Amino acid sequence: MQAEKIELAKRLLDTEDEKIIDAVKSIFRNFDDSNEWSDLPEKVILDVKESLKQIELGQGISHTF
């Protein structure tokens, strides 16, 4: 399973296709909405949600070289 996760992460980092990135974000957003991240502290949940909003507004930091 770890190898699959690494491969998915590599493919996501290598893609420039916004449709794929949006689809992955949507999957996590749908999962998060149904899971509610019940095992994480509220502060962490709020910080992650704020970060996602910033990314959607184009305020994220690119980590590509």
N, C-alpha and C. Protein backbone atom coordinates (compact mmCIF):
# COMPACT_ATOMS: atom_id res chain seq x y z
N MET A 1 0.82 -1.19 0.00
CA MET A 1 0.00 0.00 0.00
C MET A 1 0.87 1.26 0.00
N GLN A 2 1.98 1.24 0.72
CA GLN A 2 2.87 2.40 0.77
C GLN A 2 3.40 2.75 -0.61
N ALA A 3 3.77 1.74 -1.38
CA ALA A 3 4.28 1.98 -2.73
C ALA A 3 3.21 2.62 -3.61
N GLU A 4 1.97 2.21 -3.46
CA GLU A 4 0.88 2.80 -4.23
C GLU A 4 0.69 4.27 -3.87
N LYS A 5 0.78 4.58 -2.59
CA LYS A 5 0.64 5.96 -2.15
C LYS A 5 1.76 6.83 -2.71
N ILE A 6 2.96 6.30 -2.71
CA ILE A 6 4.11 7.05 -3.25
C ILE A 6 3.92 7.28 -4.74
N GLU A 7 3.48 6.25 -5.46
CA GLU A 7 3.26 6.38 -6.90
C GLU A 7 2.17 7.42 -7.18
N LEU A 8 1.09 7.40 -6.42
CA LEU A 8 0.03 8.39 -6.61
C LEU A 8 0.55 9.80 -6.33
N ALA A 9 1.32 9.96 -5.28
CA ALA A 9 1.88 11.27 -4.94
C ALA A 9 2.79 11.77 -6.06
N LYS A 10 3.63 10.88 -6.61
CA LYS A 10 4.51 11.27 -7.70
C LYS A 10 3.71 11.72 -8.92
N ARG A 11 2.69 10.94 -9.25
CA ARG A 11 1.88 11.29 -10.42
C ARG A 11 1.17 12.62 -10.22
N LEU A 12 0.68 12.86 -9.01
CA LEU A 12 0.00 14.11 -8.73
C LEU A 12 0.98 15.28 -8.82
N LEU A 13 2.18 15.11 -8.29
CA LEU A 13 3.18 16.16 -8.36
C LEU A 13 3.64 16.45 -9.78
N ASP A 14 3.66 15.43 -10.62
CA ASP A 14 4.13 15.58 -11.99
C ASP A 14 3.08 16.14 -12.95
N THR A 15 1.81 16.08 -12.58
CA THR A 15 0.77 16.50 -13.51
C THR A 15 0.61 18.02 -13.53
N GLU A 16 0.27 18.51 -14.69
CA GLU A 16 -0.07 19.92 -14.87
C GLU A 16 -1.55 20.05 -15.23
N ASP A 17 -2.25 18.92 -15.27
CA ASP A 17 -3.66 18.87 -15.68
C ASP A 17 -4.54 19.30 -14.50
N GLU A 18 -5.11 20.49 -14.62
CA GLU A 18 -5.95 21.02 -13.53
C GLU A 18 -7.17 20.16 -13.26
N LYS A 19 -7.67 19.47 -14.29
CA LYS A 19 -8.84 18.60 -14.10
C LYS A 19 -8.51 17.46 -13.14
N ILE A 20 -7.31 16.92 -13.27
CA ILE A 20 -6.89 15.83 -12.37
C ILE A 20 -6.73 16.37 -10.95
N ILE A 21 -6.08 17.51 -10.82
CA ILE A 21 -5.88 18.11 -9.50
C ILE A 21 -7.23 18.42 -8.85
N ASP A 22 -8.15 18.99 -9.62
CA ASP A 22 -9.48 19.30 -9.09
C ASP A 22 -10.22 18.02 -8.68
N ALA A 23 -10.06 16.95 -9.46
CA ALA A 23 -10.73 15.69 -9.14
C ALA A 23 -10.19 15.12 -7.82
N VAL A 24 -8.88 15.18 -7.64
CA VAL A 24 -8.29 14.66 -6.40
C VAL A 24 -8.76 15.50 -5.21
N LYS A 25 -8.76 16.82 -5.38
CA LYS A 25 -9.25 17.69 -4.30
C LYS A 25 -10.70 17.37 -3.96
N SER A 26 -11.50 17.12 -4.99
CA SER A 26 -12.91 16.81 -4.78
C SER A 26 -13.08 15.50 -4.01
N ILE A 27 -12.28 14.52 -4.35
CA ILE A 27 -12.34 13.24 -3.64
C ILE A 27 -12.06 13.45 -2.15
N PHE A 28 -10.98 14.17 -1.86
CA PHE A 28 -10.64 14.41 -0.45
C PHE A 28 -11.69 15.28 0.23
N ARG A 29 -12.20 16.27 -0.49
CA ARG A 29 -13.22 17.14 0.10
C ARG A 29 -14.47 16.32 0.46
N ASN A 30 -14.89 15.44 -0.45
CA ASN A 30 -16.06 14.60 -0.19
C ASN A 30 -15.80 13.65 0.96
N PHE A 31 -14.62 13.06 1.01
CA PHE A 31 -14.26 12.17 2.10
C PHE A 31 -14.24 12.93 3.42
N ASP A 32 -13.62 14.10 3.40
CA ASP A 32 -13.50 14.90 4.61
C ASP A 32 -14.86 15.32 5.14
N ASP A 33 -15.75 15.69 4.23
CA ASP A 33 -17.08 16.11 4.64
C ASP A 33 -17.85 14.98 5.31
N SER A 34 -17.64 13.76 4.82
CA SER A 34 -18.37 12.63 5.41
C SER A 34 -17.66 12.07 6.63
N ASN A 35 -16.34 12.23 6.69
CA ASN A 35 -15.56 11.68 7.80
C ASN A 35 -15.43 12.66 8.95
N GLU A 36 -15.48 13.94 8.62
CA GLU A 36 -15.36 15.01 9.62
C GLU A 36 -14.05 14.99 10.40
N TRP A 37 -13.09 14.21 9.98
CA TRP A 37 -11.76 14.18 10.61
C TRP A 37 -11.87 14.05 12.13
N SER A 38 -12.72 13.19 12.58
CA SER A 38 -13.02 13.09 14.01
C SER A 38 -11.82 12.78 14.89
N ASP A 39 -10.75 12.25 14.30
CA ASP A 39 -9.59 11.91 15.12
C ASP A 39 -8.56 13.03 15.21
N LEU A 40 -8.81 14.17 14.55
CA LEU A 40 -7.88 15.29 14.60
C LEU A 40 -8.38 16.39 15.52
N PRO A 41 -7.45 17.12 16.13
CA PRO A 41 -7.87 18.27 16.96
C PRO A 41 -8.55 19.33 16.10
N GLU A 42 -9.46 20.04 16.67
CA GLU A 42 -10.22 21.06 15.96
C GLU A 42 -9.30 22.10 15.32
N LYS A 43 -8.25 22.50 15.97
CA LYS A 43 -7.31 23.49 15.43
C LYS A 43 -6.69 22.99 14.12
N VAL A 44 -6.33 21.74 14.07
CA VAL A 44 -5.73 21.17 12.86
C VAL A 44 -6.76 21.17 11.73
N ILE A 45 -7.97 20.78 12.02
CA ILE A 45 -9.03 20.76 11.01
C ILE A 45 -9.26 22.15 10.45
N LEU A 46 -9.35 23.14 11.32
CA LEU A 46 -9.58 24.52 10.88
C LEU A 46 -8.41 25.03 10.03
N ASP A 47 -7.19 24.70 10.43
CA ASP A 47 -6.02 25.13 9.67
C ASP A 47 -6.00 24.51 8.27
N VAL A 48 -6.32 23.23 8.19
CA VAL A 48 -6.34 22.55 6.89
C VAL A 48 -7.43 23.14 6.00
N LYS A 49 -8.60 23.36 6.55
CA LYS A 49 -9.69 23.94 5.76
C LYS A 49 -9.33 25.34 5.27
N GLU A 50 -8.68 26.12 6.11
CA GLU A 50 -8.25 27.45 5.70
C GLU A 50 -7.21 27.36 4.58
N SER A 51 -6.30 26.41 4.69
CA SER A 51 -5.29 26.21 3.65
C SER A 51 -5.94 25.83 2.32
N LEU A 52 -6.93 24.96 2.37
CA LEU A 52 -7.64 24.57 1.14
C LEU A 52 -8.33 25.76 0.50
N LYS A 53 -8.92 26.62 1.32
CA LYS A 53 -9.56 27.83 0.78
C LYS A 53 -8.53 28.72 0.10
N GLN A 54 -7.36 28.86 0.73
CA GLN A 54 -6.31 29.70 0.15
C GLN A 54 -5.83 29.13 -1.19
N ILE A 55 -5.71 27.81 -1.27
CA ILE A 55 -5.30 27.18 -2.52
C ILE A 55 -6.34 27.45 -3.61
N GLU A 56 -7.61 27.32 -3.27
CA GLU A 56 -8.67 27.55 -4.24
C GLU A 56 -8.66 29.00 -4.75
N LEU A 57 -8.22 29.92 -3.89
CA LEU A 57 -8.16 31.33 -4.28
C LEU A 57 -6.84 31.68 -4.97
N GLY A 58 -6.00 30.68 -5.20
CA GLY A 58 -4.73 30.91 -5.86
C GLY A 58 -3.67 31.51 -4.97
N GLN A 59 -3.84 31.38 -3.66
CA GLN A 59 -2.89 31.96 -2.72
C GLN A 59 -1.89 30.93 -2.20
N GLY A 60 -1.86 29.75 -2.82
CA GLY A 60 -0.94 28.71 -2.39
C GLY A 60 0.48 29.00 -2.85
N ILE A 61 1.42 28.29 -2.31
CA ILE A 61 2.82 28.43 -2.68
C ILE A 61 3.20 27.21 -3.53
N SER A 62 3.73 27.48 -4.72
CA SER A 62 4.16 26.41 -5.60
C SER A 62 5.46 25.82 -5.07
N HIS A 63 5.52 24.50 -5.05
CA HIS A 63 6.72 23.81 -4.60
C HIS A 63 7.44 23.14 -5.75
N THR A 64 7.13 23.59 -6.98
CA THR A 64 7.80 23.02 -8.15
C THR A 64 9.05 23.83 -8.43
N PHE A 65 9.99 23.18 -9.05
CA PHE A 65 11.25 23.85 -9.37
C PHE A 65 11.29 24.24 -10.80
